[in-house]
Amino acid sequence: MTELVHTSAELDALPAAAPGARAVVMTMGALHEGHATLIRVARQRVGNGQVVVTVFVNPLQFGPSEDFDRYPRTLDADVRVAERAGADVVFAPGTDEVYPGGEPQVRITAGPMGQGYEGAARPGHFDGMLTVVAKLLHLTRPDIAFYGQKDAQQLALIRRMVADLNFGVEIVGVPTVREPDGLALSSRNRYLTDDDRRRALALSRALFAGRDALADGPDAVRKAARAVLDAADGVAVDYLALVDPADFTEAAPGHTGPAVLAVAARVGTTRLIDNIPLEFGAFS
């Protein structure tokens, strides 16, 4: 039976789990199969340890033009999804629990790594995200934290924060979960009309086309992905980028090693993001 708690004191008061690590999966609720996959991966990793799922809609992540009040709150359903996936605890704190002194005066900044791409489209978003991730890591005190690779820049920034600030936690990225036709699972997909959803498939098609050009190098990857997006109807592209995941700077023409091909676009009234990880070998 999954326990639902709302304060760190309640979390601390729960009976100790069987010996093993504590894992945390952080969410803003509206859980779907992508979140469930994160929870299942966490459960498999820690075995008889404890899996905590956080549900908190973080006001610091929403800009002036983004509707914080519109974000779906489905806690009862979220608890059921978490329980089926193997969570021991759902930690759903209120804003006063996470920010007891009101809006925090001291925050974590994403720095240059968070200024491009999603950071440029959503100024201040990553500062708010890193601040709440740091808070929730302190409140839940996990050994391992699991995040989806779909939010690639977010994952890269969390990894950098943990390394730069010496957090004693292991960060694990979990591959993106997709529909059979390739669409990446997202809480935002619920806002797509049937026509919008069909058009949105251009994002994953572009990424897969780029992946198919991998052997010809970074420039070929960009060109192949861009061709798909240029031919797409009803897709307003924000950016298409091939980046080094270590610092989220553009991959050079001779780049070798890991890379992320990322795209953001507006389809109808909904802004979507997607990406795939790539690995470039040496080029002669």
Protein backbone atom coordinates (compact mmCIF):
# COMPACT_ATOMS: atom_id res chain seq x y z
CA MET A 1 0.00 0.00 0.00
CA THR A 2 1.47 3.33 -1.06
CA GLU A 3 1.55 5.94 1.70
CA LEU A 4 0.51 9.51 0.90
CA VAL A 5 2.27 12.13 3.03
CA HIS A 6 2.33 15.91 2.82
CA THR A 7 5.18 16.95 5.13
CA SER A 8 8.80 15.98 5.61
CA ALA A 9 7.96 15.16 9.25
CA GLU A 10 5.39 12.60 8.05
CA LEU A 11 7.93 11.21 5.61
CA ASP A 12 10.54 10.85 8.34
CA ALA A 13 8.01 9.19 10.66
CA LEU A 14 7.22 6.34 8.27
CA PRO A 15 8.48 2.90 9.30
CA ALA A 16 11.90 2.16 7.87
CA ALA A 17 11.89 0.14 4.67
CA ALA A 18 13.84 -3.06 4.31
CA PRO A 19 17.59 -2.48 4.08
CA GLY A 20 18.47 -0.80 0.82
CA ALA A 21 18.78 2.51 -0.89
CA ARG A 22 16.11 5.21 -1.01
CA ALA A 23 15.19 6.35 -4.53
CA VAL A 24 13.25 9.46 -5.47
CA VAL A 25 11.28 10.22 -8.63
CA MET A 26 10.36 13.91 -8.84
CA THR A 27 7.20 14.94 -10.70
CA MET A 28 4.74 17.79 -10.98
CA GLY A 29 1.87 15.31 -11.04
CA ALA A 30 -0.47 14.39 -13.91
CA LEU A 31 1.40 11.07 -13.96
CA HIS A 32 1.46 9.03 -17.17
CA GLU A 33 3.28 5.95 -18.45
CA GLY A 34 6.54 7.88 -18.70
CA HIS A 35 6.44 8.60 -14.98
CA ALA A 36 5.39 5.02 -14.27
CA THR A 37 8.44 3.82 -16.17
CA LEU A 38 10.68 5.99 -13.98
CA ILE A 39 9.10 4.49 -10.88
CA ARG A 40 9.50 0.93 -12.15
CA VAL A 41 13.16 1.55 -13.01
CA ALA A 42 13.68 2.99 -9.52
CA ARG A 43 12.01 -0.03 -7.93
CA GLN A 44 14.14 -2.42 -9.93
CA ARG A 45 17.30 -0.54 -8.98
CA VAL A 46 16.73 -0.39 -5.21
CA GLY A 47 15.01 -3.76 -4.80
CA ASN A 48 13.62 -3.88 -1.26
CA GLY A 49 14.70 -0.29 -0.62
CA GLN A 50 12.28 2.61 -0.61
CA VAL A 51 10.86 4.44 -3.65
CA VAL A 52 9.51 7.94 -2.99
CA VAL A 53 7.57 9.85 -5.67
CA THR A 54 7.25 13.58 -5.17
CA VAL A 55 4.26 15.49 -6.56
CA PHE A 56 4.71 19.24 -6.41
CA VAL A 57 3.70 21.89 -8.94
CA ASN A 58 6.57 24.32 -8.48
CA PRO A 59 5.53 27.96 -8.91
CA LEU A 60 9.14 29.07 -9.46
CA GLN A 61 9.26 27.23 -12.79
CA PHE A 62 6.38 29.16 -14.36
CA GLY A 63 7.02 32.41 -16.22
CA PRO A 64 4.59 35.36 -16.47
CA SER A 65 3.07 34.03 -19.69
CA GLU A 66 2.72 30.47 -18.38
CA ASP A 67 -0.45 29.53 -16.54
CA PHE A 68 0.52 27.99 -13.22
CA ASP A 69 -3.16 27.60 -12.32
CA ARG A 70 -3.86 25.69 -15.55
CA TYR A 71 -1.39 22.92 -14.80
CA PRO A 72 -3.38 19.72 -14.09
CA ARG A 73 -3.66 18.58 -10.47
CA THR A 74 -4.70 14.92 -10.29
CA LEU A 75 -3.31 13.72 -6.97
CA ASP A 76 -5.74 10.85 -6.37
CA ALA A 77 -5.04 9.42 -9.81
CA ASP A 78 -1.31 10.07 -9.36
CA VAL A 79 -1.24 7.99 -6.18
CA ARG A 80 -2.90 5.11 -8.03
CA VAL A 81 -0.38 5.28 -10.87
CA ALA A 82 2.51 5.43 -8.40
CA GLU A 83 1.16 2.48 -6.44
CA ARG A 84 0.73 0.30 -9.52
CA ALA A 85 4.28 1.12 -10.61
CA GLY A 86 5.74 0.10 -7.24
CA ALA A 87 6.17 3.30 -5.21
CA ASP A 88 6.23 3.04 -1.44
CA VAL A 89 5.48 6.68 -0.74
CA VAL A 90 3.96 9.68 -2.53
CA PHE A 91 5.26 12.90 -1.00
CA ALA A 92 2.91 15.73 -2.03
CA PRO A 93 3.97 18.80 -0.07
CA GLY A 94 2.18 22.12 -0.15
CA THR A 95 3.93 25.32 -1.15
CA ASP A 96 4.35 26.29 2.53
CA GLU A 97 6.20 23.04 3.18
CA VAL A 98 8.67 23.53 0.33
CA TYR A 99 9.02 27.31 0.75
CA PRO A 100 8.24 27.93 4.44
CA GLY A 101 9.58 31.47 4.34
CA GLY A 102 7.61 32.42 1.25
CA GLU A 103 9.22 32.91 -2.13
CA PRO A 104 12.90 32.11 -1.52
CA GLN A 105 15.35 34.99 -1.51
CA VAL A 106 18.31 32.66 -2.13
CA ARG A 107 18.09 30.46 -5.21
CA ILE A 108 20.29 28.24 -7.33
CA THR A 109 21.12 29.71 -10.71
CA ALA A 110 21.60 27.64 -13.83
CA GLY A 111 24.34 29.95 -15.11
CA PRO A 112 25.45 29.99 -18.76
CA MET A 113 24.50 26.34 -19.26
CA GLY A 114 20.86 27.21 -18.68
CA GLN A 115 20.63 30.33 -20.81
CA GLY A 116 20.16 28.76 -24.25
CA TYR A 117 17.43 26.61 -25.79
CA GLU A 118 14.78 25.99 -23.12
CA GLY A 119 16.40 28.63 -20.93
CA ALA A 120 16.06 31.24 -23.68
CA ALA A 121 12.44 30.27 -24.35
CA ARG A 122 11.53 30.25 -20.65
CA PRO A 123 13.67 32.80 -18.78
CA GLY A 124 14.12 31.90 -15.12
CA HIS A 125 12.64 28.42 -15.57
CA PHE A 126 15.85 26.53 -14.86
CA ASP A 127 16.70 28.62 -11.81
CA GLY A 128 13.30 27.68 -10.38
CA MET A 129 13.73 24.05 -11.38
CA LEU A 130 17.17 23.68 -9.80
CA THR A 131 16.04 25.44 -6.65
CA VAL A 132 13.14 23.05 -6.11
CA VAL A 133 15.20 19.99 -7.04
CA ALA A 134 17.76 20.99 -4.43
CA LYS A 135 14.99 21.53 -1.87
CA LEU A 136 13.35 18.18 -2.62
CA LEU A 137 16.68 16.36 -2.49
CA HIS A 138 17.19 17.80 1.00
CA LEU A 139 13.64 16.98 2.10
CA THR A 140 13.65 13.39 0.83
CA ARG A 141 17.37 12.58 1.31
CA PRO A 142 17.62 9.89 -1.39
CA ASP A 143 20.63 7.83 -2.39
CA ILE A 144 19.54 7.82 -6.04
CA ALA A 145 17.30 10.18 -8.03
CA PHE A 146 15.71 9.28 -11.36
CA TYR A 147 14.83 11.75 -14.13
CA GLY A 148 13.53 11.32 -17.67
CA GLN A 149 15.84 11.93 -20.59
CA LYS A 150 13.03 13.73 -22.46
CA ASP A 151 13.91 16.87 -20.52
CA ALA A 152 17.52 16.67 -21.67
CA GLN A 153 18.68 20.14 -20.68
CA GLN A 154 17.03 19.78 -17.28
CA LEU A 155 18.79 16.46 -16.72
CA ALA A 156 22.14 17.92 -17.78
CA LEU A 157 21.71 20.85 -15.38
CA ILE A 158 20.72 18.62 -12.46
CA ARG A 159 23.79 16.46 -13.06
CA ARG A 160 25.98 19.56 -13.18
CA MET A 161 24.42 21.00 -10.00
CA VAL A 162 24.97 17.74 -8.11
CA ALA A 163 28.59 17.62 -9.27
CA ASP A 164 29.38 21.30 -8.76
CA LEU A 165 27.73 21.54 -5.32
CA ASN A 166 28.78 18.09 -4.04
CA PHE A 167 25.33 16.62 -3.45
CA GLY A 168 25.68 13.09 -2.16
CA VAL A 169 23.21 11.54 -4.58
CA GLU A 170 23.49 9.51 -7.77
CA ILE A 171 21.56 10.91 -10.76
CA VAL A 172 20.11 8.39 -13.21
CA GLY A 173 18.61 9.33 -16.57
CA VAL A 174 15.86 7.07 -17.91
CA PRO A 175 15.14 6.84 -21.66
CA THR A 176 12.12 8.66 -23.09
CA VAL A 177 8.92 6.63 -23.30
CA ARG A 178 7.08 6.93 -26.62
CA GLU A 179 3.74 6.03 -28.11
CA PRO A 180 3.88 3.29 -30.77
CA ASP A 181 3.92 5.98 -33.48
CA GLY A 182 6.91 7.73 -31.91
CA LEU A 183 5.30 10.62 -30.04
CA ALA A 184 7.11 11.24 -26.75
CA LEU A 185 4.85 10.93 -23.72
CA SER A 186 4.20 14.26 -22.02
CA SER A 187 1.61 15.76 -19.72
CA ARG A 188 1.20 18.46 -22.39
CA ASN A 189 -0.05 15.96 -24.97
CA ARG A 190 -3.53 16.21 -23.41
CA TYR A 191 -3.81 19.71 -24.89
CA LEU A 192 -3.33 18.48 -28.48
CA THR A 193 -6.29 18.16 -30.82
CA ASP A 194 -6.39 15.10 -33.09
CA ASP A 195 -4.96 17.17 -35.95
CA ASP A 196 -2.31 18.69 -33.71
CA ARG A 197 -1.26 15.27 -32.51
CA ARG A 198 -0.79 14.09 -36.10
CA ARG A 199 1.31 17.18 -36.86
CA ALA A 200 3.35 16.69 -33.67
CA LEU A 201 4.75 13.43 -35.04
CA ALA A 202 7.08 15.59 -37.18
CA LEU A 203 9.24 16.14 -34.07
CA SER A 204 10.07 12.49 -33.52
CA ARG A 205 10.35 11.86 -37.29
CA ALA A 206 12.93 14.63 -37.51
CA LEU A 207 14.93 13.17 -34.63
CA PHE A 208 14.87 9.68 -36.13
CA ALA A 209 15.94 11.07 -39.53
CA GLY A 210 18.88 12.76 -37.83
CA ARG A 211 19.79 9.53 -36.08
CA ASP A 212 19.76 7.71 -39.43
CA ALA A 213 22.39 10.15 -40.72
CA LEU A 214 24.68 9.58 -37.72
CA ALA A 215 27.45 7.87 -39.71
CA ASP A 216 27.91 10.99 -41.87
CA GLY A 217 28.65 13.30 -38.94
CA PRO A 218 27.04 16.14 -37.01
CA ASP A 219 26.29 18.42 -39.96
CA ALA A 220 24.49 15.61 -41.77
CA VAL A 221 22.45 14.87 -38.66
CA ARG A 222 21.31 18.48 -38.43
CA LYS A 223 20.52 18.66 -42.14
CA ALA A 224 18.43 15.47 -42.15
CA ALA A 225 16.41 16.52 -39.12
CA ARG A 226 15.88 20.05 -40.42
CA ALA A 227 14.57 18.73 -43.75
CA VAL A 228 11.76 16.88 -41.98
CA LEU A 229 10.79 19.91 -39.93
CA ASP A 230 10.89 22.25 -42.94
CA ALA A 231 8.43 19.98 -44.73
CA ALA A 232 6.07 19.68 -41.76
CA ASP A 233 2.69 21.41 -41.79
CA GLY A 234 1.51 23.36 -38.74
CA VAL A 235 4.73 23.02 -36.76
CA ALA A 236 6.37 26.27 -35.61
CA VAL A 237 9.94 25.30 -34.72
CA ASP A 238 11.56 27.08 -31.79
CA TYR A 239 14.92 25.38 -32.13
CA LEU A 240 16.68 22.32 -33.48
CA ALA A 241 20.01 21.74 -31.80
CA LEU A 242 22.75 19.13 -31.67
CA VAL A 243 24.55 19.64 -28.38
CA ASP A 244 27.20 18.21 -26.11
CA PRO A 245 25.30 16.98 -23.01
CA ALA A 246 28.19 17.90 -20.73
CA ASP A 247 27.61 21.64 -21.12
CA PHE A 248 24.76 21.98 -23.65
CA THR A 249 26.84 23.86 -26.19
CA GLU A 250 26.46 23.17 -29.92
CA ALA A 251 28.39 20.13 -31.10
CA ALA A 252 31.26 21.03 -33.44
CA PRO A 253 31.43 19.54 -36.97
CA GLY A 254 34.08 17.06 -35.81
CA HIS A 255 32.39 16.22 -32.51
CA THR A 256 32.93 12.71 -31.16
CA GLY A 257 31.34 11.00 -28.21
CA PRO A 258 27.87 11.58 -26.75
CA ALA A 259 25.51 14.21 -28.11
CA VAL A 260 21.84 15.12 -27.85
CA LEU A 261 19.68 16.05 -30.83
CA ALA A 262 16.92 18.23 -29.40
CA VAL A 263 13.89 20.01 -30.83
CA ALA A 264 11.22 22.34 -29.50
CA ALA A 265 8.19 23.47 -31.46
CA ARG A 266 4.70 24.82 -31.04
CA VAL A 267 1.91 22.69 -32.47
CA GLY A 268 -1.40 24.51 -32.26
CA THR A 269 -1.37 26.16 -28.85
CA THR A 270 0.93 23.56 -27.27
CA ARG A 271 4.70 23.81 -27.00
CA LEU A 272 6.43 20.42 -27.17
CA ILE A 273 10.02 19.30 -26.68
CA ASP A 274 11.75 16.07 -27.65
CA ASN A 275 15.28 14.72 -28.08
CA ILE A 276 17.31 11.60 -28.69
CA PRO A 277 20.80 10.73 -27.42
CA LEU A 278 23.44 9.98 -30.03
CA GLU A 279 27.00 8.69 -29.96
CA PHE A 280 29.45 9.88 -32.60
CA GLY A 281 32.52 7.84 -33.45
CA ALA A 282 35.78 9.29 -34.75
CA PHE A 283 35.72 10.65 -38.31
CA SER A 284 38.63 10.36 -40.68
